[in-house]
Amino acid sequence: MFGPLRNPTYLRLFAAQVVALLGTGLLTVALALLAYDLAGEEAGAVLGTALAIKMLAYVGVAPVAGALAARLPRRALLVALDLARAGAAVFLPFVSEIWHIYALIFLLQSASAAFTPTFQATIPDILPDERDYARALSLSRLAYDLESLASPALAALLLTLMSYHDLFAGTVAGFILSAGLVLSTRLPAPGAAAPAPFGRRVSAGLRVFLATPRLRALLAVNLGVAAAGAMVIVNTVVLARAALDGGEAEVAVAMAAFGAGSMAAALALPPVLDRAGDRRVVLPALGALAALLLSFAAFVAAAERTGGAAGWLWPALLAVWAALGFCYSAAQLPAGRLLRRSAAPADRPTVFAAQFALSHAAWLLTYPLAGGLGAAAGMPAALIVLGLLAALAALAAARLWPREDPETLAHDHSDLPAGHPHLGPAGARRHAHPFVIDDLHPNWPRGRA
């Protein structure tokens, strides 16, 4: 599990990720308190708008940033983006208008939309071994889960000693320390890419997605994961406080149960992925997300209708949320492996950027769906609709993802002239090698899609 940390370059990058995530976690708490100071009881609407702005930045900026990242020095770009995030966070304690929050969040999250896929696309070049890379993905998932647990606890401790305005200083420090750690590393240069117009580079990642069967399935996986995740993130507070008449502690415990389930999957799955493969892990996990949401909808509806199950609602919520966390992590953990297999090194920045944008587009759909249904039609309705959405995503992923999905494929090159370097010394028009979509291979081999 922790083998990749023996690589000094990866160790520093992982440390940079951890400190940046802790800073982001402090920002989340401080921003909620700032919004309440400025908007009072309308703070939820302010935060909802800020979250929508974040997703719009992710969806709109990531593909453009991916195209630029393929042409820029990685280390300089990552350091500059960390410093840009720190610069935006510096001004947050001084805002006096709600629109100031929106503008600064857009700047900060635009930098994150460029930083994250560039960072993710660098890891496969540092850890070329498949097993090491799989464990690095688990460590990354673990870092996100620890952030969701540790940052609120750290913020609560710091708030006993200082004003919430001072938490923004922790955010700035996290980004600056992250920049310093990245600056201390020597990163491999991305593979040489053929010259192409900027617009084509922006759309390159999307072209790879649409032409690669396993990545078309990943689009469905993204939607199913977002359906379950949005239900948890948006409606945990409603279930814990309104349905169960709990307080802030119950909200924190429920979120911790989800995070603990996700952490358990991150720790347990790497050897399972090595033995079973990605498809046999992702598809059952995605189906389980749908089943959990739909079964819990029936439980909540029974509790609301009769009251007889109300006493079991709290332990049921914790158990279901922990199971959702496990399946949520299991369904999305192999995504990086799929992206790595499906893109040439030179194209990885644009493909990772496309995944970043497309996955967050799913969240942009499911966040308002979870909140709007919960408020207008109640929790059982929200659970049913999101459960059905996850079920449809699971069925689509199973249909789109071939059962036999080898990395090396035999294919023909009748389109290439005799003597083309790609045909090799023998000039064989039919050959086999690890297959990815690129300029020489614009379409998936027939019979394999």
Protein backbone atom coordinates (compact mmCIF):
# COMPACT_ATOMS: atom_id res chain seq x y z
CA MET A 1 0.00 0.00 0.00
CA PHE A 2 2.71 2.52 1.01
CA GLY A 3 5.37 1.30 -1.40
CA PRO A 4 5.16 4.35 -3.72
CA LEU A 5 6.25 6.58 -0.83
CA ARG A 6 9.73 5.05 -1.16
CA ASN A 7 10.05 7.05 -4.37
CA PRO A 8 11.40 10.46 -3.18
CA THR A 9 9.77 12.41 -6.01
CA TYR A 10 6.37 10.89 -5.40
CA LEU A 11 6.78 11.32 -1.63
CA ARG A 12 7.22 15.08 -2.04
CA LEU A 13 4.31 15.35 -4.45
CA PHE A 14 2.09 13.34 -2.13
CA ALA A 15 3.11 15.60 0.78
CA ALA A 16 2.27 18.62 -1.40
CA GLN A 17 -1.17 17.13 -2.09
CA VAL A 18 -1.81 16.50 1.61
CA VAL A 19 -0.89 20.00 2.81
CA ALA A 20 -2.87 21.63 -0.02
CA LEU A 21 -5.91 19.50 0.89
CA LEU A 22 -5.63 20.48 4.55
CA GLY A 23 -5.53 24.12 3.50
CA THR A 24 -8.58 23.60 1.29
CA GLY A 25 -10.41 21.96 4.19
CA LEU A 26 -9.75 24.96 6.42
CA LEU A 27 -11.00 27.18 3.58
CA THR A 28 -14.29 25.25 3.45
CA VAL A 29 -15.01 25.85 7.15
CA ALA A 30 -13.90 29.50 7.08
CA LEU A 31 -15.90 30.20 3.93
CA ALA A 32 -19.09 28.85 5.51
CA LEU A 33 -18.62 31.13 8.52
CA LEU A 34 -17.79 34.11 6.31
CA ALA A 35 -20.91 33.48 4.23
CA TYR A 36 -23.03 33.43 7.41
CA ASP A 37 -21.51 36.74 8.53
CA LEU A 38 -22.37 38.35 5.21
CA ALA A 39 -25.70 36.69 4.41
CA GLY A 40 -27.13 35.36 7.68
CA GLU A 41 -29.84 32.79 7.06
CA GLU A 42 -29.19 33.06 3.31
CA ALA A 43 -25.71 31.62 3.78
CA GLY A 44 -26.83 28.30 2.32
CA ALA A 45 -27.80 29.98 -0.94
CA VAL A 46 -24.44 31.78 -1.02
CA LEU A 47 -22.55 28.54 -0.50
CA GLY A 48 -24.67 26.78 -3.09
CA THR A 49 -23.85 29.47 -5.63
CA ALA A 50 -20.16 29.28 -4.70
CA LEU A 51 -20.28 25.51 -5.20
CA ALA A 52 -21.90 25.94 -8.61
CA ILE A 53 -19.20 28.47 -9.56
CA LYS A 54 -16.57 25.95 -8.49
CA MET A 55 -18.08 23.27 -10.73
CA LEU A 56 -18.43 25.67 -13.66
CA ALA A 57 -14.76 26.60 -13.29
CA TYR A 58 -13.81 22.92 -13.22
CA VAL A 59 -15.89 22.07 -16.30
CA GLY A 60 -14.88 25.12 -18.34
CA VAL A 61 -11.24 25.66 -17.39
CA ALA A 62 -9.87 22.10 -17.12
CA PRO A 63 -9.91 21.23 -20.87
CA VAL A 64 -8.22 24.53 -21.79
CA ALA A 65 -5.69 24.09 -19.00
CA GLY A 66 -5.00 20.53 -20.13
CA ALA A 67 -4.16 21.76 -23.61
CA LEU A 68 -1.77 24.34 -22.18
CA ALA A 69 -0.23 21.89 -19.70
CA ALA A 70 0.89 19.62 -22.53
CA ARG A 71 3.12 22.47 -23.79
CA LEU A 72 4.43 24.02 -20.54
CA PRO A 73 7.09 22.90 -18.02
CA ARG A 74 5.20 20.89 -15.41
CA ARG A 75 7.04 22.01 -12.30
CA ALA A 76 6.85 25.72 -13.15
CA LEU A 77 3.16 25.41 -14.01
CA LEU A 78 2.25 23.56 -10.79
CA VAL A 79 4.18 26.05 -8.63
CA ALA A 80 2.57 29.02 -10.39
CA LEU A 81 -0.91 27.56 -9.90
CA ASP A 82 -0.28 26.91 -6.19
CA LEU A 83 0.86 30.51 -5.78
CA ALA A 84 -2.20 31.71 -7.70
CA ARG A 85 -4.44 29.78 -5.30
CA ALA A 86 -2.60 31.26 -2.33
CA GLY A 87 -2.97 34.74 -3.82
CA ALA A 88 -6.74 34.36 -4.18
CA ALA A 89 -7.07 33.02 -0.61
CA VAL A 90 -5.10 35.98 0.80
CA PHE A 91 -7.93 38.36 -0.10
CA LEU A 92 -10.82 36.31 1.32
CA PRO A 93 -10.60 37.65 4.91
CA PHE A 94 -11.04 41.19 3.57
CA VAL A 95 -14.18 40.74 1.46
CA SER A 96 -17.18 42.87 2.31
CA GLU A 97 -19.62 41.90 -0.44
CA ILE A 98 -21.00 38.53 -1.47
CA TRP A 99 -19.89 39.01 -5.08
CA HIS A 100 -16.32 39.31 -3.80
CA ILE A 101 -16.62 35.72 -2.56
CA TYR A 102 -17.86 34.56 -5.94
CA ALA A 103 -15.06 36.29 -7.84
CA LEU A 104 -12.29 34.97 -5.58
CA ILE A 105 -13.72 31.45 -5.54
CA PHE A 106 -13.80 31.46 -9.33
CA LEU A 107 -10.14 32.51 -9.48
CA LEU A 108 -9.07 29.98 -6.86
CA GLN A 109 -11.03 27.08 -8.35
CA SER A 110 -9.90 27.94 -11.88
CA ALA A 111 -6.32 27.50 -10.67
CA SER A 112 -7.34 24.20 -9.03
CA ALA A 113 -8.99 23.10 -12.29
CA ALA A 114 -5.61 23.52 -13.99
CA PHE A 115 -3.51 22.16 -11.11
CA THR A 116 -5.31 18.90 -10.34
CA PRO A 117 -5.32 17.20 -13.78
CA THR A 118 -1.73 18.33 -14.45
CA PHE A 119 -0.70 16.85 -11.10
CA GLN A 120 -2.60 13.62 -11.80
CA ALA A 121 -1.10 13.26 -15.28
CA THR A 122 2.41 13.55 -13.81
CA ILE A 123 2.12 10.57 -11.45
CA PRO A 124 2.10 7.81 -14.14
CA ASP A 125 5.43 9.13 -15.45
CA ILE A 126 6.94 9.04 -11.95
CA LEU A 127 5.56 5.56 -11.16
CA PRO A 128 5.63 3.59 -14.42
CA ASP A 129 4.99 0.26 -12.67
CA GLU A 130 1.26 -0.61 -12.79
CA ARG A 131 1.13 -1.87 -9.20
CA ASP A 132 2.92 1.17 -7.80
CA TYR A 133 0.56 3.43 -9.71
CA ALA A 134 -2.50 1.56 -8.40
CA ARG A 135 -1.23 2.05 -4.85
CA ALA A 136 -0.57 5.72 -5.54
CA LEU A 137 -4.21 6.10 -6.59
CA SER A 138 -5.27 4.52 -3.30
CA LEU A 139 -2.99 6.88 -1.37
CA SER A 140 -4.52 9.82 -3.22
CA ARG A 141 -8.04 8.61 -2.36
CA LEU A 142 -6.92 8.15 1.24
CA ALA A 143 -5.60 11.71 1.32
CA TYR A 144 -8.98 13.08 0.21
CA ASP A 145 -10.77 11.00 2.84
CA LEU A 146 -8.40 12.04 5.61
CA GLU A 147 -8.89 15.66 4.59
CA SER A 148 -12.65 15.31 4.96
CA LEU A 149 -12.14 13.97 8.48
CA ALA A 150 -9.08 15.89 9.68
CA SER A 151 -9.74 19.38 8.35
CA PRO A 152 -13.02 19.99 10.24
CA ALA A 153 -11.43 18.68 13.46
CA LEU A 154 -8.36 20.88 12.95
CA ALA A 155 -10.58 23.87 12.18
CA ALA A 156 -12.63 23.28 15.34
CA LEU A 157 -9.43 23.17 17.40
CA LEU A 158 -8.01 26.32 15.83
CA LEU A 159 -11.30 28.19 16.29
CA THR A 160 -10.88 27.82 20.06
CA LEU A 161 -7.67 29.84 19.73
CA MET A 162 -8.37 32.31 16.92
CA SER A 163 -10.98 33.96 14.69
CA TYR A 164 -12.23 32.13 11.63
CA HIS A 165 -10.58 34.88 9.55
CA ASP A 166 -7.24 33.44 10.66
CA LEU A 167 -8.15 30.06 9.13
CA PHE A 168 -7.61 31.63 5.72
CA ALA A 169 -3.96 32.06 6.72
CA GLY A 170 -3.80 28.27 7.09
CA THR A 171 -5.18 27.93 3.56
CA VAL A 172 -2.53 30.30 2.20
CA ALA A 173 0.21 28.46 4.11
CA GLY A 174 -0.97 25.12 2.73
CA PHE A 175 -0.74 26.31 -0.87
CA ILE A 176 2.64 27.98 -0.34
CA LEU A 177 4.06 24.86 1.32
CA SER A 178 2.66 22.76 -1.52
CA ALA A 179 4.42 25.05 -4.02
CA GLY A 180 7.69 24.69 -2.09
CA LEU A 181 7.45 20.89 -2.11
CA VAL A 182 6.76 20.81 -5.84
CA LEU A 183 9.64 23.22 -6.44
CA SER A 184 11.98 20.86 -4.57
CA THR A 185 11.31 17.99 -7.01
CA ARG A 186 12.60 17.20 -10.47
CA LEU A 187 9.62 16.18 -12.57
CA PRO A 188 9.85 14.17 -15.79
CA ALA A 189 9.01 16.09 -18.92
CA PRO A 190 5.79 15.07 -20.69
CA GLY A 191 6.13 13.04 -23.85
CA ALA A 192 6.64 14.97 -27.06
CA ALA A 193 3.35 15.76 -28.72
CA ALA A 194 2.84 16.42 -32.37
CA PRO A 195 2.10 20.07 -33.19
CA ALA A 196 -1.63 20.73 -33.38
CA PRO A 197 -3.93 23.78 -33.37
CA PHE A 198 -4.90 24.94 -29.90
CA GLY A 199 -8.59 24.22 -30.43
CA ARG A 200 -7.80 20.64 -31.40
CA ARG A 201 -5.64 20.24 -28.29
CA VAL A 202 -8.52 21.49 -26.13
CA SER A 203 -10.84 18.87 -27.60
CA ALA A 204 -8.24 16.08 -27.75
CA GLY A 205 -9.17 14.58 -24.40
CA LEU A 206 -12.87 14.47 -25.32
CA ARG A 207 -12.03 12.78 -28.63
CA VAL A 208 -10.08 10.08 -26.79
CA PHE A 209 -12.99 9.55 -24.38
CA LEU A 210 -15.60 9.19 -27.09
CA ALA A 211 -13.47 6.80 -29.17
CA THR A 212 -12.30 4.50 -26.33
CA PRO A 213 -14.91 1.97 -25.07
CA ARG A 214 -13.60 1.76 -21.50
CA LEU A 215 -13.59 5.56 -21.23
CA ARG A 216 -17.13 5.82 -22.58
CA ALA A 217 -18.02 3.48 -19.71
CA LEU A 218 -16.13 5.77 -17.34
CA LEU A 219 -18.50 8.60 -18.29
CA ALA A 220 -21.36 6.48 -16.96
CA VAL A 221 -19.35 5.58 -13.86
CA ASN A 222 -18.80 9.30 -13.19
CA LEU A 223 -22.56 9.88 -13.26
CA GLY A 224 -23.34 7.00 -10.89
CA VAL A 225 -20.65 8.08 -8.43
CA ALA A 226 -21.90 11.68 -8.52
CA ALA A 227 -25.50 10.58 -7.88
CA ALA A 228 -24.52 8.77 -4.68
CA GLY A 229 -21.99 11.37 -3.58
CA ALA A 230 -24.37 14.29 -4.08
CA MET A 231 -27.01 12.57 -1.95
CA VAL A 232 -24.53 12.22 0.89
CA ILE A 233 -22.92 15.66 0.64
CA VAL A 234 -26.11 17.66 0.14
CA ASN A 235 -28.66 15.80 2.28
CA THR A 236 -26.73 14.35 5.23
CA VAL A 237 -27.40 17.52 7.20
CA VAL A 238 -31.15 17.29 6.43
CA LEU A 239 -31.39 13.63 7.42
CA ALA A 240 -29.34 14.05 10.58
CA ARG A 241 -30.91 17.26 11.83
CA ALA A 242 -34.48 17.24 10.51
CA ALA A 243 -35.36 13.56 10.23
CA LEU A 244 -33.43 12.52 13.35
CA ASP A 245 -33.62 15.80 15.29
CA GLY A 246 -29.85 15.64 15.76
CA GLY A 247 -27.26 18.35 16.05
CA GLU A 248 -23.92 19.27 14.53
CA ALA A 249 -22.27 16.25 16.14
CA GLU A 250 -24.64 13.85 14.38
CA VAL A 251 -23.90 15.50 11.04
CA ALA A 252 -20.16 15.11 11.64
CA VAL A 253 -20.54 11.46 12.70
CA ALA A 254 -22.61 10.60 9.62
CA MET A 255 -20.07 12.23 7.31
CA ALA A 256 -17.30 10.44 9.17
CA ALA A 257 -19.05 7.10 8.55
CA PHE A 258 -19.06 7.82 4.82
CA GLY A 259 -15.39 8.85 4.93
CA ALA A 260 -14.43 5.77 6.95
CA GLY A 261 -16.07 3.50 4.37
CA SER A 262 -14.21 5.27 1.59
CA MET A 263 -10.90 4.96 3.45
CA ALA A 264 -11.49 1.25 4.00
CA ALA A 265 -11.88 0.76 0.25
CA ALA A 266 -8.74 2.77 -0.50
CA LEU A 267 -6.75 0.58 1.90
CA ALA A 268 -8.22 -2.77 0.86
CA LEU A 269 -8.63 -2.56 -2.90
CA PRO A 270 -5.14 -2.36 -4.50
CA PRO A 271 -4.43 -6.12 -4.24
CA VAL A 272 -8.01 -6.89 -5.33
CA LEU A 273 -7.56 -4.73 -8.45
CA ASP A 274 -4.31 -6.56 -9.22
CA ARG A 275 -6.11 -9.92 -9.15
CA ALA A 276 -9.58 -9.16 -10.47
CA GLY A 277 -9.05 -6.22 -12.80
CA ASP A 278 -10.83 -2.88 -12.95
CA ARG A 279 -14.12 -3.92 -14.56
CA ARG A 280 -14.88 -6.62 -11.98
CA VAL A 281 -14.45 -4.08 -9.17
CA VAL A 282 -16.08 -0.99 -10.67
CA LEU A 283 -19.32 -2.46 -12.03
CA PRO A 284 -20.40 -4.33 -8.84
CA ALA A 285 -19.54 -1.23 -6.77
CA LEU A 286 -21.64 0.96 -9.05
CA GLY A 287 -24.58 -1.45 -8.86
CA ALA A 288 -24.27 -1.56 -5.08
CA LEU A 289 -24.48 2.26 -4.90
CA ALA A 290 -27.85 2.09 -6.67
CA ALA A 291 -29.11 -0.76 -4.47
CA LEU A 292 -28.10 1.03 -1.26
CA LEU A 293 -29.83 4.27 -2.24
CA LEU A 294 -33.04 2.51 -3.28
CA SER A 295 -33.20 0.25 -0.21
CA PHE A 296 -32.57 3.18 2.13
CA ALA A 297 -35.35 5.10 0.39
CA ALA A 298 -37.78 2.34 1.39
CA PHE A 299 -36.50 2.44 4.97
CA VAL A 300 -36.85 6.22 5.27
CA ALA A 301 -40.32 6.13 3.70
CA ALA A 302 -41.43 3.48 6.21
CA ALA A 303 -40.03 5.50 9.10
CA GLU A 304 -41.89 8.63 7.92
CA ARG A 305 -45.14 6.75 7.32
CA THR A 306 -45.40 4.65 10.47
CA GLY A 307 -42.76 5.86 12.87
CA GLY A 308 -42.06 2.24 13.75
CA ALA A 309 -38.65 2.25 12.08
CA ALA A 310 -37.64 5.67 13.38
CA GLY A 311 -35.62 4.16 16.22
CA TRP A 312 -33.54 2.24 13.69
CA LEU A 313 -33.04 5.16 11.34
CA TRP A 314 -29.84 6.47 12.96
CA PRO A 315 -27.91 3.16 12.97
CA ALA A 316 -29.27 2.41 9.49
CA LEU A 317 -28.04 5.78 8.25
CA LEU A 318 -24.55 5.14 9.63
CA ALA A 319 -24.41 1.64 8.15
CA VAL A 320 -25.69 2.71 4.73
CA TRP A 321 -23.41 5.77 4.62
CA ALA A 322 -20.36 3.63 5.47
CA ALA A 323 -21.33 1.13 2.73
CA LEU A 324 -21.92 3.99 0.28
CA GLY A 325 -18.46 5.36 1.12
CA PHE A 326 -16.85 1.98 0.42
CA CYS A 327 -18.63 1.53 -2.93
CA TYR A 328 -18.12 5.19 -3.87
CA SER A 329 -14.37 4.79 -3.49
CA ALA A 330 -14.32 1.37 -5.16
CA ALA A 331 -16.19 2.67 -8.22
CA GLN A 332 -13.91 5.62 -8.88
CA LEU A 333 -10.55 4.42 -7.56
CA PRO A 334 -9.52 2.64 -10.82
CA ALA A 335 -10.29 5.72 -12.97
CA GLY A 336 -6.66 6.79 -13.05
CA ARG A 337 -5.59 3.34 -14.21
CA LEU A 338 -8.12 3.47 -17.04
CA LEU A 339 -6.91 6.91 -18.12
CA ARG A 340 -3.30 5.81 -18.02
CA ARG A 341 -4.02 2.75 -20.17
CA SER A 342 -6.04 4.79 -22.66
CA ALA A 343 -3.69 7.67 -23.49
CA ALA A 344 -0.21 8.10 -24.88
CA PRO A 345 2.13 9.93 -22.45
CA ALA A 346 1.97 13.12 -24.53
CA ASP A 347 -1.84 13.11 -24.41
CA ARG A 348 -2.25 12.37 -20.70
CA PRO A 349 -2.63 16.02 -19.59
CA THR A 350 -5.56 16.55 -21.97
CA VAL A 351 -7.17 13.19 -21.13
CA PHE A 352 -6.87 13.72 -17.37
CA ALA A 353 -8.23 17.25 -17.85
CA ALA A 354 -11.18 15.85 -19.81
CA GLN A 355 -11.93 13.38 -17.01
CA PHE A 356 -11.71 16.20 -14.48
CA ALA A 357 -14.15 18.35 -16.45
CA LEU A 358 -16.57 15.55 -17.39
CA SER A 359 -16.72 14.08 -13.89
CA HIS A 360 -17.50 17.49 -12.42
CA ALA A 361 -20.15 18.07 -15.07
CA ALA A 362 -21.91 15.06 -13.53
CA TRP A 363 -21.71 16.72 -10.12
CA LEU A 364 -23.06 19.93 -11.59
CA LEU A 365 -26.16 17.92 -12.54
CA THR A 366 -26.55 15.85 -9.36
CA TYR A 367 -25.89 18.56 -6.75
CA PRO A 368 -29.00 20.63 -7.57
CA LEU A 369 -30.99 17.45 -8.24
CA ALA A 370 -30.24 16.11 -4.76
CA GLY A 371 -30.97 19.43 -3.06
CA GLY A 372 -34.04 20.34 -5.09
CA LEU A 373 -35.71 16.93 -4.80
CA GLY A 374 -34.96 16.69 -1.10
CA ALA A 375 -36.51 20.10 -0.43
CA ALA A 376 -39.50 19.79 -2.77
CA ALA A 377 -40.44 16.10 -2.62
CA GLY A 378 -38.74 14.74 0.50
CA MET A 379 -35.84 12.41 1.22
CA PRO A 380 -37.41 9.16 -0.09
CA ALA A 381 -38.04 10.78 -3.47
CA ALA A 382 -34.49 12.13 -3.64
CA LEU A 383 -33.08 8.72 -2.73
CA ILE A 384 -35.24 6.95 -5.34
CA VAL A 385 -34.40 9.31 -8.20
CA LEU A 386 -30.68 9.33 -7.45
CA GLY A 387 -30.74 5.56 -6.94
CA LEU A 388 -32.41 5.06 -10.32
CA LEU A 389 -29.86 7.41 -11.89
CA ALA A 390 -27.05 5.31 -10.38
CA ALA A 391 -28.74 2.12 -11.63
CA LEU A 392 -29.00 3.50 -15.18
CA ALA A 393 -25.35 4.52 -14.98
CA ALA A 394 -24.39 0.98 -13.88
CA LEU A 395 -26.32 -0.57 -16.78
CA ALA A 396 -24.78 1.85 -19.28
CA ALA A 397 -21.26 1.20 -17.96
CA ALA A 398 -21.75 -2.57 -18.19
CA ARG A 399 -22.95 -2.25 -21.78
CA LEU A 400 -20.21 0.16 -22.88
CA TRP A 401 -17.26 -1.59 -21.22
CA PRO A 402 -16.22 -4.74 -23.14
CA ARG A 403 -15.88 -7.90 -21.04
CA GLU A 404 -12.59 -8.61 -22.77
CA ASP A 405 -10.56 -5.42 -22.60
CA PRO A 406 -6.90 -6.23 -23.36
CA GLU A 407 -4.33 -3.46 -23.53
CA THR A 408 -2.65 -4.87 -26.65
CA LEU A 409 -4.85 -5.09 -29.76
CA ALA A 410 -4.20 -6.32 -33.27
CA HIS A 411 -5.25 -3.81 -35.92
CA ASP A 412 -4.72 -2.83 -39.58
CA HIS A 413 -3.05 0.22 -41.09
CA SER A 414 -4.30 0.22 -44.67
CA ASP A 415 -4.36 4.03 -44.45
CA LEU A 416 -0.58 4.40 -44.05
CA PRO A 417 1.80 4.55 -47.02
CA ALA A 418 4.38 1.84 -47.50
CA GLY A 419 7.54 2.54 -45.58
CA HIS A 420 5.82 4.58 -42.85
CA PRO A 421 7.94 4.42 -39.64
CA HIS A 422 4.99 3.13 -37.60
CA LEU A 423 4.83 -0.03 -39.72
CA GLY A 424 8.29 -1.04 -38.54
CA PRO A 425 11.19 -2.52 -40.54
CA ALA A 426 9.00 -5.32 -41.93
CA GLY A 427 6.34 -2.88 -43.14
CA ALA A 428 3.54 -5.02 -41.68
CA ARG A 429 0.20 -3.28 -42.10
CA ARG A 430 -1.38 -5.56 -39.50
CA HIS A 431 0.35 -5.61 -36.15
CA ALA A 432 -0.35 -5.49 -32.42
CA HIS A 433 0.78 -3.16 -29.65
CA PRO A 434 -0.76 -1.35 -26.63
CA PHE A 435 -3.58 0.53 -28.34
CA VAL A 436 -4.57 4.13 -27.62
CA ILE A 437 -6.41 6.73 -29.66
CA ASP A 438 -4.01 9.18 -31.32
CA ASP A 439 -3.29 10.67 -34.74
CA LEU A 440 -2.21 7.29 -36.14
CA HIS A 441 -5.11 5.43 -34.49
CA PRO A 442 -8.17 7.71 -34.69
CA ASN A 443 -10.69 4.86 -34.34
CA TRP A 444 -11.02 1.78 -32.15
CA PRO A 445 -10.42 -1.50 -34.01
CA ARG A 446 -13.63 -2.94 -35.45
CA GLY A 447 -15.19 -5.67 -33.40
CA ARG A 448 -13.62 -4.28 -30.21
CA ALA A 449 -15.89 -1.29 -29.54
